[in-house]
Amino acid sequence: MSVIEYLPSQGDETLEALLGETVYTHQRKRRHFCLPVGNKGYFLAFNPRGSKMSGMTERQSIYCDGNTLRYYGADKRSRAILGGLEPLGGDHDAFWVLAMFFTELTEEDVDHLEMMEEKINNLELQLLTNKGAAHSELSRIADFRKALLTRKRYYDQLGLIIDRLAEDQIGVIPEGVRRHFHALGQYLRYLLQFVVDLREFVTQVREAYQAKIDIDQNQTMKIFTVITAVFLPLSLIVGWYGMNFNIPEFGWAHGYLYVIVLSVAVCVASFIIFKRKKWF
């Protein structure tokens, strides 16, 4: 006989009678929790991975005692995992099934996070090597931060639930299953730290790209400054020969050529000096 029962939603008429008025009222106000129900079991709730975590509509709940695991929710992935565990339920108690459920729920998450890390690394290379980053590439930074924030909240809530089950304040979970919950809690803390590190990586990518923009802008301003400095003496020459004084070169047959040669010589000399000083 299966220890797993599927119920469509938290609005089941027997739920209040099962939990008692205090626990039933308390659970309706919170998005995730793990609460003891008398001295016989636990009632817990959490949002599935990838949900917006902003409301109660996507929340899934589980009641578990030694004999029965009741699932309240419509998440397809969770139902598929429980369906795979159902044939094993007759050989183990419901808490073992619950431990296996959370194990399978998170066992592929390291692979997903490593794939996300690779995507962030590729994005960094694109932003730092391309001359002009496309708007779509820049918007991916915000997308990664949003996705990682959702992951962080997901592992936060699962970690709190698993730690409560590992502590087992009412003493109804077998010792071997409690050790499994403890190991699972360690694994969730690793996943949470992985997500925190990825969020820091995304921040570093954004800062590195901003630094690249600043360097490019500084280089552009440096070039403009050098050009201005090279041709600034020409303004002096123009102002000098534009004065209302009797300058001898005005009556000289080669005066016009002289001014041209002087201007070119000044520009070339300035360019050579700046180049030797490595100012550009």
C-alpha atoms as a PDB file:
ATOM      1  CA  MET A   1       0.000   0.000   0.000  1.00  0.00           C
ATOM      2  CA  SER A   2       1.358   3.422  -0.938  1.00  0.00           C
ATOM      3  CA  VAL A   3       2.188   5.922   1.800  1.00  0.00           C
ATOM      4  CA  ILE A   4       1.737   8.854  -0.620  1.00  0.00           C
ATOM      5  CA  GLU A   5      -1.546  10.690  -1.063  1.00  0.00           C
ATOM      6  CA  TYR A   6      -2.157  13.459  -3.601  1.00  0.00           C
ATOM      7  CA  LEU A   7      -4.539  16.286  -2.799  1.00  0.00           C
ATOM      8  CA  PRO A   8      -5.373  19.058  -5.283  1.00  0.00           C
ATOM      9  CA  SER A   9      -4.788  22.107  -3.113  1.00  0.00           C
ATOM     10  CA  GLN A  10      -4.434  23.428   0.396  1.00  0.00           C
ATOM     11  CA  GLY A  11      -8.162  24.033   0.451  1.00  0.00           C
ATOM     12  CA  ASP A  12      -8.862  20.379   1.299  1.00  0.00           C
ATOM     13  CA  GLU A  13     -11.661  20.198   3.852  1.00  0.00           C
ATOM     14  CA  THR A  14      -9.771  17.771   6.071  1.00  0.00           C
ATOM     15  CA  LEU A  15      -6.653  19.945   6.309  1.00  0.00           C
ATOM     16  CA  GLU A  16      -7.868  22.133   9.173  1.00  0.00           C
ATOM     17  CA  ALA A  17      -9.005  19.096  11.119  1.00  0.00           C
ATOM     18  CA  LEU A  18      -5.636  17.428  10.486  1.00  0.00           C
ATOM     19  CA  LEU A  19      -3.493  20.388  11.530  1.00  0.00           C
ATOM     20  CA  GLY A  20      -5.598  21.956  14.230  1.00  0.00           C
ATOM     21  CA  GLU A  21      -6.842  25.524  14.226  1.00  0.00           C
ATOM     22  CA  THR A  22      -3.567  27.125  15.430  1.00  0.00           C
ATOM     23  CA  VAL A  23      -1.277  25.494  12.842  1.00  0.00           C
ATOM     24  CA  TYR A  24      -3.873  25.839  10.076  1.00  0.00           C
ATOM     25  CA  THR A  25      -4.274  29.582  10.693  1.00  0.00           C
ATOM     26  CA  HIS A  26      -0.502  30.082  11.010  1.00  0.00           C
ATOM     27  CA  GLN A  27       0.303  28.317   7.731  1.00  0.00           C
ATOM     28  CA  ARG A  28      -2.127  30.436   5.734  1.00  0.00           C
ATOM     29  CA  LYS A  29      -0.083  33.573   6.492  1.00  0.00           C
ATOM     30  CA  ARG A  30       3.339  32.286   5.424  1.00  0.00           C
ATOM     31  CA  ARG A  31       4.880  31.244   2.113  1.00  0.00           C
ATOM     32  CA  HIS A  32       7.288  28.648   3.494  1.00  0.00           C
ATOM     33  CA  PHE A  33       7.599  26.905   6.865  1.00  0.00           C
ATOM     34  CA  CYS A  34       8.019  23.570   8.635  1.00  0.00           C
ATOM     35  CA  LEU A  35       5.707  23.137  11.621  1.00  0.00           C
ATOM     36  CA  PRO A  36       5.215  20.173  13.964  1.00  0.00           C
ATOM     37  CA  VAL A  37       1.666  18.850  14.113  1.00  0.00           C
ATOM     38  CA  GLY A  38       1.167  17.618  17.646  1.00  0.00           C
ATOM     39  CA  ASN A  39       3.591  14.791  18.376  1.00  0.00           C
ATOM     40  CA  LYS A  40       2.953  12.782  15.231  1.00  0.00           C
ATOM     41  CA  GLY A  41       4.345  14.600  12.191  1.00  0.00           C
ATOM     42  CA  TYR A  42       5.228  17.791  10.315  1.00  0.00           C
ATOM     43  CA  PHE A  43       3.445  20.107   7.934  1.00  0.00           C
ATOM     44  CA  LEU A  44       5.700  22.048   5.573  1.00  0.00           C
ATOM     45  CA  ALA A  45       5.319  24.331   2.572  1.00  0.00           C
ATOM     46  CA  PHE A  46       7.620  25.898  -0.020  1.00  0.00           C
ATOM     47  CA  ASN A  47       7.576  27.422  -3.488  1.00  0.00           C
ATOM     48  CA  PRO A  48       8.784  25.267  -6.391  1.00  0.00           C
ATOM     49  CA  ARG A  49      12.024  26.148  -8.152  1.00  0.00           C
ATOM     50  CA  GLY A  50      11.539  28.810 -10.791  1.00  0.00           C
ATOM     51  CA  SER A  51       8.411  30.295  -9.242  1.00  0.00           C
ATOM     52  CA  LYS A  52       8.144  34.019  -8.585  1.00  0.00           C
ATOM     53  CA  MET A  53       8.044  33.402  -4.814  1.00  0.00           C
ATOM     54  CA  SER A  54       5.806  36.424  -4.486  1.00  0.00           C
ATOM     55  CA  GLY A  55       2.517  34.842  -3.510  1.00  0.00           C
ATOM     56  CA  MET A  56       0.649  31.806  -2.193  1.00  0.00           C
ATOM     57  CA  THR A  57      -0.802  30.538  -5.484  1.00  0.00           C
ATOM     58  CA  GLU A  58       2.272  28.473  -6.452  1.00  0.00           C
ATOM     59  CA  ARG A  59       2.999  27.175  -2.959  1.00  0.00           C
ATOM     60  CA  GLN A  60       3.062  23.417  -2.450  1.00  0.00           C
ATOM     61  CA  SER A  61       2.551  21.785   0.936  1.00  0.00           C
ATOM     62  CA  ILE A  62       3.317  18.394   2.421  1.00  0.00           C
ATOM     63  CA  TYR A  63       2.035  16.720   5.553  1.00  0.00           C
ATOM     64  CA  CYS A  64       4.157  13.807   6.733  1.00  0.00           C
ATOM     65  CA  ASP A  65       3.981  11.440   9.696  1.00  0.00           C
ATOM     66  CA  GLY A  66       5.386   7.959  10.063  1.00  0.00           C
ATOM     67  CA  ASN A  67       2.682   6.352   7.968  1.00  0.00           C
ATOM     68  CA  THR A  68       1.466   8.873   5.398  1.00  0.00           C
ATOM     69  CA  LEU A  69       2.803  11.611   3.132  1.00  0.00           C
ATOM     70  CA  ARG A  70       0.106  13.931   1.820  1.00  0.00           C
ATOM     71  CA  TYR A  71       1.061  16.235  -1.024  1.00  0.00           C
ATOM     72  CA  TYR A  72      -0.959  19.430  -1.592  1.00  0.00           C
ATOM     73  CA  GLY A  73      -0.083  21.126  -4.857  1.00  0.00           C
ATOM     74  CA  ALA A  74       0.017  20.928  -8.632  1.00  0.00           C
ATOM     75  CA  ASP A  75       3.737  21.240  -9.426  1.00  0.00           C
ATOM     76  CA  LYS A  76       4.379  18.699 -12.201  1.00  0.00           C
ATOM     77  CA  ARG A  77       8.005  18.076 -11.301  1.00  0.00           C
ATOM     78  CA  SER A  78       7.232  17.377  -7.636  1.00  0.00           C
ATOM     79  CA  ARG A  79       4.377  15.051  -8.555  1.00  0.00           C
ATOM     80  CA  ALA A  80       6.633  13.191 -11.008  1.00  0.00           C
ATOM     81  CA  ILE A  81       9.294  12.673  -8.324  1.00  0.00           C
ATOM     82  CA  LEU A  82       6.739  11.407  -5.822  1.00  0.00           C
ATOM     83  CA  GLY A  83       5.299   9.152  -8.504  1.00  0.00           C
ATOM     84  CA  GLY A  84       8.718   7.583  -8.990  1.00  0.00           C
ATOM     85  CA  LEU A  85       9.066   7.022  -5.238  1.00  0.00           C
ATOM     86  CA  GLU A  86       5.591   5.585  -4.820  1.00  0.00           C
ATOM     87  CA  PRO A  87       6.561   1.949  -5.527  1.00  0.00           C
ATOM     88  CA  LEU A  88       9.221   2.169  -2.787  1.00  0.00           C
ATOM     89  CA  GLY A  89       6.885   3.611  -0.183  1.00  0.00           C
ATOM     90  CA  GLY A  90       5.636   0.232   0.984  1.00  0.00           C
ATOM     91  CA  ASP A  91       9.139  -0.778   2.142  1.00  0.00           C
ATOM     92  CA  HIS A  92       9.922   2.454   4.016  1.00  0.00           C
ATOM     93  CA  ASP A  93       8.159   4.918   6.255  1.00  0.00           C
ATOM     94  CA  ALA A  94       6.856   8.260   4.984  1.00  0.00           C
ATOM     95  CA  PHE A  95       9.782  10.267   6.381  1.00  0.00           C
ATOM     96  CA  TRP A  96      12.210   8.234   4.264  1.00  0.00           C
ATOM     97  CA  VAL A  97      10.064   9.003   1.211  1.00  0.00           C
ATOM     98  CA  LEU A  98      10.124  12.704   2.162  1.00  0.00           C
ATOM     99  CA  ALA A  99      13.933  12.630   2.452  1.00  0.00           C
ATOM    100  CA  MET A 100      14.246  10.951  -0.951  1.00  0.00           C
ATOM    101  CA  PHE A 101      11.819  13.490  -2.419  1.00  0.00           C
ATOM    102  CA  PHE A 102      13.983  16.458  -1.391  1.00  0.00           C
ATOM    103  CA  THR A 103      17.125  14.611  -2.503  1.00  0.00           C
ATOM    104  CA  GLU A 104      15.785  14.042  -6.014  1.00  0.00           C
ATOM    105  CA  LEU A 105      14.320  17.538  -6.094  1.00  0.00           C
ATOM    106  CA  THR A 106      17.808  19.062  -5.797  1.00  0.00           C
ATOM    107  CA  GLU A 107      20.210  16.398  -7.119  1.00  0.00           C
ATOM    108  CA  GLU A 108      20.628  18.001 -10.572  1.00  0.00           C
ATOM    109  CA  ASP A 109      20.948  21.551  -9.279  1.00  0.00           C
ATOM    110  CA  VAL A 110      24.755  21.541  -9.237  1.00  0.00           C
ATOM    111  CA  ASP A 111      24.748  20.774 -12.966  1.00  0.00           C
ATOM    112  CA  HIS A 112      22.294  23.619 -13.600  1.00  0.00           C
ATOM    113  CA  LEU A 113      24.408  26.063 -11.608  1.00  0.00           C
ATOM    114  CA  GLU A 114      27.591  24.985 -13.405  1.00  0.00           C
ATOM    115  CA  MET A 115      25.868  25.577 -16.749  1.00  0.00           C
ATOM    116  CA  MET A 116      24.816  29.019 -15.546  1.00  0.00           C
ATOM    117  CA  GLU A 117      28.404  29.714 -14.451  1.00  0.00           C
ATOM    118  CA  GLU A 118      29.627  28.811 -17.951  1.00  0.00           C
ATOM    119  CA  LYS A 119      27.051  31.148 -19.515  1.00  0.00           C
ATOM    120  CA  ILE A 120      28.152  33.997 -17.249  1.00  0.00           C
ATOM    121  CA  ASN A 121      31.778  33.345 -18.171  1.00  0.00           C
ATOM    122  CA  ASN A 122      30.904  33.448 -21.890  1.00  0.00           C
ATOM    123  CA  LEU A 123      29.002  36.682 -21.350  1.00  0.00           C
ATOM    124  CA  GLU A 124      32.059  38.190 -19.665  1.00  0.00           C
ATOM    125  CA  LEU A 125      34.238  37.297 -22.667  1.00  0.00           C
ATOM    126  CA  GLN A 126      31.705  38.819 -25.065  1.00  0.00           C
ATOM    127  CA  LEU A 127      31.421  42.050 -23.118  1.00  0.00           C
ATOM    128  CA  LEU A 128      35.163  42.511 -22.665  1.00  0.00           C
ATOM    129  CA  THR A 129      36.295  41.503 -26.156  1.00  0.00           C
ATOM    130  CA  ASN A 130      33.593  43.034 -28.355  1.00  0.00           C
ATOM    131  CA  LYS A 131      34.062  46.659 -29.310  1.00  0.00           C
ATOM    132  CA  GLY A 132      30.419  47.514 -28.859  1.00  0.00           C
ATOM    133  CA  ALA A 133      28.282  45.270 -26.675  1.00  0.00           C
ATOM    134  CA  ALA A 134      24.742  44.697 -27.896  1.00  0.00           C
ATOM    135  CA  HIS A 135      21.829  45.733 -25.726  1.00  0.00           C
ATOM    136  CA  SER A 136      20.748  42.087 -25.478  1.00  0.00           C
ATOM    137  CA  GLU A 137      24.100  41.147 -23.947  1.00  0.00           C
ATOM    138  CA  LEU A 138      23.864  43.918 -21.377  1.00  0.00           C
ATOM    139  CA  SER A 139      20.308  42.966 -20.431  1.00  0.00           C
ATOM    140  CA  ARG A 140      21.493  39.417 -19.711  1.00  0.00           C
ATOM    141  CA  ILE A 141      23.371  40.723 -16.674  1.00  0.00           C
ATOM    142  CA  ALA A 142      20.082  41.789 -15.111  1.00  0.00           C
ATOM    143  CA  ASP A 143      18.483  38.488 -16.170  1.00  0.00           C
ATOM    144  CA  PHE A 144      21.227  36.490 -14.458  1.00  0.00           C
ATOM    145  CA  ARG A 145      20.931  38.513 -11.252  1.00  0.00           C
ATOM    146  CA  LYS A 146      17.163  38.025 -11.206  1.00  0.00           C
ATOM    147  CA  ALA A 147      17.444  34.270 -11.819  1.00  0.00           C
ATOM    148  CA  LEU A 148      20.102  33.878  -9.132  1.00  0.00           C
ATOM    149  CA  LEU A 149      18.048  35.854  -6.626  1.00  0.00           C
ATOM    150  CA  THR A 150      15.153  33.451  -7.228  1.00  0.00           C
ATOM    151  CA  ARG A 151      17.529  30.515  -6.713  1.00  0.00           C
ATOM    152  CA  LYS A 152      18.868  32.035  -3.505  1.00  0.00           C
ATOM    153  CA  ARG A 153      15.374  32.380  -2.045  1.00  0.00           C
ATOM    154  CA  TYR A 154      14.577  28.834  -3.135  1.00  0.00           C
ATOM    155  CA  TYR A 155      17.583  27.339  -1.348  1.00  0.00           C
ATOM    156  CA  ASP A 156      17.014  29.569   1.682  1.00  0.00           C
ATOM    157  CA  GLN A 157      13.514  28.198   2.180  1.00  0.00           C
ATOM    158  CA  LEU A 158      14.518  24.581   1.541  1.00  0.00           C
ATOM    159  CA  GLY A 159      17.442  24.925   3.936  1.00  0.00           C
ATOM    160  CA  LEU A 160      15.197  26.159   6.743  1.00  0.00           C
ATOM    161  CA  ILE A 161      12.772  23.282   6.187  1.00  0.00           C
ATOM    162  CA  ILE A 162      15.471  20.596   6.037  1.00  0.00           C
ATOM    163  CA  ASP A 163      17.200  21.939   9.167  1.00  0.00           C
ATOM    164  CA  ARG A 164      13.896  21.740  11.053  1.00  0.00           C
ATOM    165  CA  LEU A 165      13.433  18.144   9.964  1.00  0.00           C
ATOM    166  CA  ALA A 166      17.036  17.271  10.894  1.00  0.00           C
ATOM    167  CA  GLU A 167      16.497  18.712  14.388  1.00  0.00           C
ATOM    168  CA  ASP A 168      13.178  16.806  14.786  1.00  0.00           C
ATOM    169  CA  GLN A 169      11.978  18.563  17.906  1.00  0.00           C
ATOM    170  CA  ILE A 170       9.126  16.107  18.486  1.00  0.00           C
ATOM    171  CA  GLY A 171      11.262  12.979  18.003  1.00  0.00           C
ATOM    172  CA  VAL A 172       9.231  11.130  15.372  1.00  0.00           C
ATOM    173  CA  ILE A 173      11.816  10.785  12.566  1.00  0.00           C
ATOM    174  CA  PRO A 174      14.045   7.661  12.575  1.00  0.00           C
ATOM    175  CA  GLU A 175      17.714   8.323  13.326  1.00  0.00           C
ATOM    176  CA  GLY A 176      18.919   7.149   9.920  1.00  0.00           C
ATOM    177  CA  VAL A 177      16.508   9.475   8.138  1.00  0.00           C
ATOM    178  CA  ARG A 178      17.528  12.361  10.403  1.00  0.00           C
ATOM    179  CA  ARG A 179      21.163  11.835   9.390  1.00  0.00           C
ATOM    180  CA  HIS A 180      20.055  11.934   5.773  1.00  0.00           C
ATOM    181  CA  PHE A 181      18.267  15.246   6.394  1.00  0.00           C
ATOM    182  CA  HIS A 182      21.414  16.589   8.070  1.00  0.00           C
ATOM    183  CA  ALA A 183      23.556  15.651   5.035  1.00  0.00           C
ATOM    184  CA  LEU A 184      20.941  17.177   2.749  1.00  0.00           C
ATOM    185  CA  GLY A 185      21.093  20.396   4.773  1.00  0.00           C
ATOM    186  CA  GLN A 186      24.859  20.536   4.202  1.00  0.00           C
ATOM    187  CA  TYR A 187      24.298  20.041   0.481  1.00  0.00           C
ATOM    188  CA  LEU A 188      21.737  22.866   0.370  1.00  0.00           C
ATOM    189  CA  ARG A 189      24.180  25.187   2.129  1.00  0.00           C
ATOM    190  CA  TYR A 190      26.724  24.324  -0.577  1.00  0.00           C
ATOM    191  CA  LEU A 191      24.169  25.148  -3.289  1.00  0.00           C
ATOM    192  CA  LEU A 192      23.291  28.394  -1.545  1.00  0.00           C
ATOM    193  CA  GLN A 193      26.959  29.413  -1.352  1.00  0.00           C
ATOM    194  CA  PHE A 194      27.352  28.489  -5.035  1.00  0.00           C
ATOM    195  CA  VAL A 195      24.501  30.864  -5.888  1.00  0.00           C
ATOM    196  CA  VAL A 196      25.980  33.642  -3.724  1.00  0.00           C
ATOM    197  CA  ASP A 197      29.329  33.198  -5.495  1.00  0.00           C
ATOM    198  CA  LEU A 198      27.617  33.365  -8.896  1.00  0.00           C
ATOM    199  CA  ARG A 199      25.835  36.573  -7.913  1.00  0.00           C
ATOM    200  CA  GLU A 200      29.208  38.019  -6.930  1.00  0.00           C
ATOM    201  CA  PHE A 201      30.626  36.833 -10.266  1.00  0.00           C
ATOM    202  CA  VAL A 202      27.836  38.627 -12.155  1.00  0.00           C
ATOM    203  CA  THR A 203      28.553  41.785 -10.148  1.00  0.00           C
ATOM    204  CA  GLN A 204      32.238  41.517 -11.045  1.00  0.00           C
ATOM    205  CA  VAL A 205      31.349  41.093 -14.734  1.00  0.00           C
ATOM    206  CA  ARG A 206      29.231  44.226 -14.610  1.00  0.00           C
ATOM    207  CA  GLU A 207      31.981  46.183 -12.841  1.00  0.00           C
ATOM    208  CA  ALA A 208      34.632  44.902 -15.276  1.00  0.00           C
ATOM    209  CA  TYR A 209      32.509  45.993 -18.226  1.00  0.00           C
ATOM    210  CA  GLN A 210      31.947  49.416 -16.660  1.00  0.00           C
ATOM    211  CA  ALA A 211      35.702  49.713 -16.086  1.00  0.00           C
ATOM    212  CA  LYS A 212      36.284  48.826 -19.758  1.00  0.00           C
ATOM    213  CA  ILE A 213      33.864  51.573 -20.801  1.00  0.00           C
ATOM    214  CA  ASP A 214      35.664  54.066 -18.555  1.00  0.00           C
ATOM    215  CA  ILE A 215      39.054  53.073 -19.987  1.00  0.00           C
ATOM    216  CA  ASP A 216      37.768  53.415 -23.553  1.00  0.00           C
ATOM    217  CA  GLN A 217      36.312  56.824 -22.759  1.00  0.00           C
ATOM    218  CA  ASN A 218      39.550  57.929 -21.107  1.00  0.00           C
ATOM    219  CA  GLN A 219      41.512  56.771 -24.139  1.00  0.00           C
ATOM    220  CA  THR A 220      39.210  58.751 -26.415  1.00  0.00           C
ATOM    221  CA  MET A 221      39.561  61.859 -24.275  1.00  0.00           C
ATOM    222  CA  LYS A 222      43.328  61.370 -24.227  1.00  0.00           C
ATOM    223  CA  ILE A 223      43.442  61.317 -28.028  1.00  0.00           C
ATOM    224  CA  PHE A 224      41.334  64.463 -28.223  1.00  0.00           C
ATOM    225  CA  THR A 225      43.600  66.146 -25.676  1.00  0.00           C
ATOM    226  CA  VAL A 226      46.729  65.255 -27.656  1.00  0.00           C
ATOM    227  CA  ILE A 227      45.160  66.530 -30.889  1.00  0.00           C
ATOM    228  CA  THR A 228      44.221  69.766 -29.163  1.00  0.00           C
ATOM    229  CA  ALA A 229      47.724  70.129 -27.729  1.00  0.00           C
ATOM    230  CA  VAL A 230      49.350  69.433 -31.121  1.00  0.00           C
ATOM    231  CA  PHE A 231      47.352  72.092 -32.929  1.00  0.00           C
ATOM    232  CA  LEU A 232      47.226  74.633 -30.106  1.00  0.00           C
ATOM    233  CA  PRO A 233      50.483  76.350 -31.273  1.00  0.00           C
ATOM    234  CA  LEU A 234      48.771  77.029 -34.610  1.00  0.00           C
ATOM    235  CA  SER A 235      46.241  79.182 -32.778  1.00  0.00           C
ATOM    236  CA  LEU A 236      49.141  81.162 -31.333  1.00  0.00           C
ATOM    237  CA  ILE A 237      50.678  81.596 -34.788  1.00  0.00           C
ATOM    238  CA  VAL A 238      47.350  82.689 -36.272  1.00  0.00           C
ATOM    239  CA  GLY A 239      46.811  85.141 -33.441  1.00  0.00           C
ATOM    240  CA  TRP A 240      50.336  86.443 -33.765  1.00  0.00           C
ATOM    241  CA  TYR A 241      50.147  87.119 -37.483  1.00  0.00           C
ATOM    242  CA  GLY A 242      46.634  88.445 -37.136  1.00  0.00           C
ATOM    243  CA  MET A 243      47.792  91.430 -35.066  1.00  0.00           C
ATOM    244  CA  ASN A 244      47.615  94.888 -36.574  1.00  0.00           C
ATOM    245  CA  PHE A 245      51.362  95.375 -36.599  1.00  0.00           C
ATOM    246  CA  ASN A 246      53.841  95.794 -39.410  1.00  0.00           C
ATOM    247  CA  ILE A 247      55.373  92.317 -39.560  1.00  0.00           C
ATOM    248  CA  PRO A 248      58.362  91.929 -41.947  1.00  0.00           C
ATOM    249  CA  GLU A 249      57.098  88.590 -43.299  1.00  0.00           C
ATOM    250  CA  PHE A 250      54.114  90.353 -44.862  1.00  0.00           C
ATOM    251  CA  GLY A 251      56.370  91.979 -47.433  1.00  0.00           C
ATOM    252  CA  TRP A 252      58.499  88.909 -48.004  1.00  0.00           C
ATOM    253  CA  ALA A 253      57.897  86.952 -51.222  1.00  0.00           C
ATOM    254  CA  HIS A 254      58.177  83.639 -49.380  1.00  0.00           C
ATOM    255  CA  GLY A 255      56.266  84.735 -46.259  1.00  0.00           C
ATOM    256  CA  TYR A 256      53.201  82.601 -47.021  1.00  0.00           C
ATOM    257  CA  LEU A 257      55.329  79.477 -47.568  1.00  0.00           C
ATOM    258  CA  TYR A 258      57.307  80.310 -44.431  1.00  0.00           C
ATOM    259  CA  VAL A 259      54.157  80.301 -42.256  1.00  0.00           C
ATOM    260  CA  ILE A 260      53.024  76.992 -43.759  1.00  0.00           C
ATOM    261  CA  VAL A 261      56.392  75.354 -43.109  1.00  0.00           C
ATOM    262  CA  LEU A 262      56.471  76.798 -39.583  1.00  0.00           C
ATOM    263  CA  SER A 263      53.002  75.429 -38.786  1.00  0.00           C
ATOM    264  CA  VAL A 264      53.815  71.974 -40.136  1.00  0.00           C
ATOM    265  CA  ALA A 265      57.145  71.904 -38.271  1.00  0.00           C
ATOM    266  CA  VAL A 266      55.477  72.848 -34.981  1.00  0.00           C
ATOM    267  CA  CYS A 267      52.828  70.118 -35.410  1.00  0.00           C
ATOM    268  CA  VAL A 268      55.412  67.464 -36.309  1.00  0.00           C
ATOM    269  CA  ALA A 269      57.684  68.462 -33.416  1.00  0.00           C
ATOM    270  CA  SER A 270      54.759  68.334 -30.956  1.00  0.00           C
ATOM    271  CA  PHE A 271      53.704  64.930 -32.283  1.00  0.00           C
ATOM    272  CA  ILE A 272      57.249  63.518 -31.912  1.00  0.00           C
ATOM    273  CA  ILE A 273      57.578  64.862 -28.372  1.00  0.00           C
ATOM    274  CA  PHE A 274      54.211  63.395 -27.278  1.00  0.00           C
ATOM    275  CA  LYS A 275      55.076  60.074 -28.879  1.00  0.00           C
ATOM    276  CA  ARG A 276      58.413  59.853 -27.062  1.00  0.00           C
ATOM    277  CA  LYS A 277      56.709  60.746 -23.783  1.00  0.00           C
ATOM    278  CA  LYS A 278      54.185  57.938 -24.502  1.00  0.00           C
ATOM    279  CA  TRP A 279      51.282  60.283 -23.888  1.00  0.00           C
ATOM    280  CA  PHE A 280      49.264  58.368 -26.495  1.00  0.00           C
END
